[in-house]
Amino acid sequence: MDLPLAFVIEDDRNLSFAYAEAVEDAGYQTKIFRDGSEGLENLKASVPSLLVLDLNLPGVHGLDILKYVRADERFKNSRIIITTADDRTATTLYGQADIVLVKPIGYSQLRDLAARLGRKNISAQA
C-alpha cells in the first residue's frame, strides 16, 4: 500500500526536517520545499493529501499558496495545517485551514494531528 503524500513547505531547515519526520511518523511520505515558489510549482503538478504550510516564505507567501489551493478543486480532499509564529495572523486564518498552529510546535502534537487528519481524509474518500 502506498503512503499518502504530504508536502512540508517551511523555509527553516531544522523545522522542515522536524515537521517532515513528525508527518512521516503519522503515516505519510513527505516532500520538503523551503521556498514558496518551489512549493507552488510542485502543487501545480501534484496533489498531496496533507499540506503543512508556513506563512512567511521566500518567493511566494504562504497566504498566496493557501488561496491557490483553496481555489483549485483538485485539492478538495487535501488537508491543510498552517504554521505561523504570529498568533494574531493565526486567529484570522481559522476556517481557511483544517488546523492553524502557532509556533513553537511540538513533534508529538504535529504527528498526532497529521495522523488524525489522515484518518479523516481516508473516510472522506471512502
Protein backbone atom coordinates (compact mmCIF):
# COMPACT_ATOMS: atom_id res chain seq x y z
CA MET A 1 0.00 0.00 0.00
CA ASP A 2 1.33 3.43 -0.95
CA LEU A 3 1.53 6.00 1.79
CA PRO A 4 -0.36 9.27 1.28
CA LEU A 5 1.76 12.20 0.16
CA ALA A 6 2.41 15.23 2.35
CA PHE A 7 4.14 18.46 1.38
CA VAL A 8 6.00 20.41 4.04
CA ILE A 9 6.56 23.98 2.87
CA GLU A 10 8.76 25.59 5.51
CA ASP A 11 11.83 27.74 4.93
CA ASP A 12 13.56 26.97 8.24
CA ARG A 13 15.80 23.96 7.60
CA ASN A 14 15.57 22.49 11.10
CA LEU A 15 11.81 22.94 11.33
CA SER A 16 11.24 21.48 7.87
CA PHE A 17 13.12 18.31 8.84
CA ALA A 18 11.34 18.05 12.20
CA TYR A 19 7.92 18.59 10.61
CA ALA A 20 8.64 16.05 7.88
CA GLU A 21 9.75 13.46 10.43
CA ALA A 22 6.62 14.01 12.54
CA VAL A 23 4.38 13.71 9.47
CA GLU A 24 6.23 10.57 8.32
CA ASP A 25 5.64 9.04 11.76
CA ALA A 26 1.94 9.78 11.19
CA GLY A 27 1.99 7.56 8.10
CA TYR A 28 2.82 9.87 5.19
CA GLN A 29 5.60 10.07 2.66
CA THR A 30 6.87 13.63 2.61
CA LYS A 31 8.43 16.15 0.27
CA ILE A 32 10.06 19.27 1.70
CA PHE A 33 10.10 22.65 0.00
CA ARG A 34 11.88 25.62 1.58
CA ASP A 35 10.71 28.25 -0.87
CA GLY A 36 7.14 29.29 -1.60
CA SER A 37 7.76 29.42 -5.34
CA GLU A 38 9.11 25.87 -5.37
CA GLY A 39 6.22 24.66 -3.24
CA LEU A 40 3.65 26.29 -5.50
CA GLU A 41 5.24 24.87 -8.65
CA ASN A 42 5.10 21.37 -7.16
CA LEU A 43 1.47 21.87 -6.13
CA LYS A 44 0.67 22.54 -9.78
CA ALA A 45 1.99 19.05 -10.60
CA SER A 46 0.94 17.03 -7.52
CA VAL A 47 -1.95 16.90 -5.11
CA PRO A 48 -0.79 15.95 -1.62
CA SER A 49 -3.17 14.54 0.94
CA LEU A 50 -1.66 16.85 3.56
CA LEU A 51 -0.01 20.24 3.30
CA VAL A 52 1.98 21.65 6.22
CA LEU A 53 2.36 25.29 5.25
CA ASP A 54 4.37 28.08 6.83
CA LEU A 55 3.22 31.60 6.01
CA ASN A 56 6.37 33.71 5.84
CA LEU A 57 8.17 32.09 2.95
CA PRO A 58 10.65 33.39 0.40
CA GLY A 59 9.39 33.53 -3.18
CA VAL A 60 5.64 33.16 -2.72
CA HIS A 61 3.93 33.96 0.59
CA GLY A 62 2.09 31.11 2.30
CA LEU A 63 -1.21 33.01 2.13
CA ASP A 64 -0.94 33.06 -1.66
CA ILE A 65 -0.31 29.32 -1.66
CA LEU A 66 -3.32 28.82 0.62
CA LYS A 67 -5.53 30.86 -1.75
CA TYR A 68 -4.29 28.83 -4.72
CA VAL A 69 -5.05 25.51 -3.02
CA ARG A 70 -8.48 26.61 -1.79
CA ALA A 71 -9.45 27.86 -5.26
CA ASP A 72 -8.46 24.62 -7.05
CA GLU A 73 -10.97 21.77 -6.99
CA ARG A 74 -8.16 19.20 -7.21
CA PHE A 75 -7.35 19.91 -3.54
CA LYS A 76 -10.87 19.43 -2.16
CA ASN A 77 -9.75 16.38 -0.15
CA SER A 78 -6.36 17.77 0.83
CA ARG A 79 -5.92 18.70 4.49
CA ILE A 80 -4.00 21.83 5.43
CA ILE A 81 -2.06 22.62 8.58
CA ILE A 82 -0.89 26.25 8.74
CA THR A 83 2.14 27.03 10.90
CA THR A 84 2.92 30.57 11.98
CA ALA A 85 4.76 32.43 14.71
CA ASP A 86 2.21 35.26 14.59
CA ASP A 87 -0.73 34.49 16.87
CA ARG A 88 -2.73 37.46 15.53
CA THR A 89 -2.44 36.16 11.97
CA ALA A 90 -3.36 32.69 13.22
CA THR A 91 -6.72 33.88 14.54
CA THR A 92 -7.63 35.35 11.14
CA LEU A 93 -6.96 32.02 9.41
CA TYR A 94 -9.31 29.77 11.36
CA GLY A 95 -11.75 28.30 8.88
CA GLN A 96 -9.35 28.66 5.96
CA ALA A 97 -7.25 25.66 7.01
CA ASP A 98 -8.05 22.43 8.81
CA ILE A 99 -5.68 23.36 11.64
CA VAL A 100 -3.73 26.52 12.47
CA LEU A 101 -0.76 26.04 14.78
CA VAL A 102 1.25 28.77 16.46
CA LYS A 103 4.99 28.10 16.74
CA PRO A 104 6.69 26.56 18.58
CA ILE A 105 5.01 23.32 17.55
CA GLY A 106 5.74 20.08 19.36
CA TYR A 107 6.77 16.97 17.46
CA SER A 108 4.08 14.76 19.00
CA GLN A 109 1.47 17.49 18.54
CA LEU A 110 2.11 17.67 14.80
CA ARG A 111 2.42 13.89 14.45
CA ASP A 112 -0.89 13.27 16.22
CA LEU A 113 -2.77 15.98 14.32
CA ALA A 114 -1.43 14.76 10.97
CA ALA A 115 -2.49 11.20 11.85
CA ARG A 116 -5.97 12.39 12.80
CA LEU A 117 -6.34 14.38 9.58
CA GLY A 118 -5.16 11.33 7.62
CA ARG A 119 -7.93 9.25 9.12
CA LYS A 120 -10.49 11.95 8.22
CA ASN A 121 -9.13 12.05 4.68
CA ILE A 122 -9.48 8.27 4.29
CA SER A 123 -13.09 8.31 5.45
CA ALA A 124 -13.89 11.29 3.17
CA GLN A 125 -12.66 9.34 0.14
CA ALA A 126 -14.43 6.09 1.05
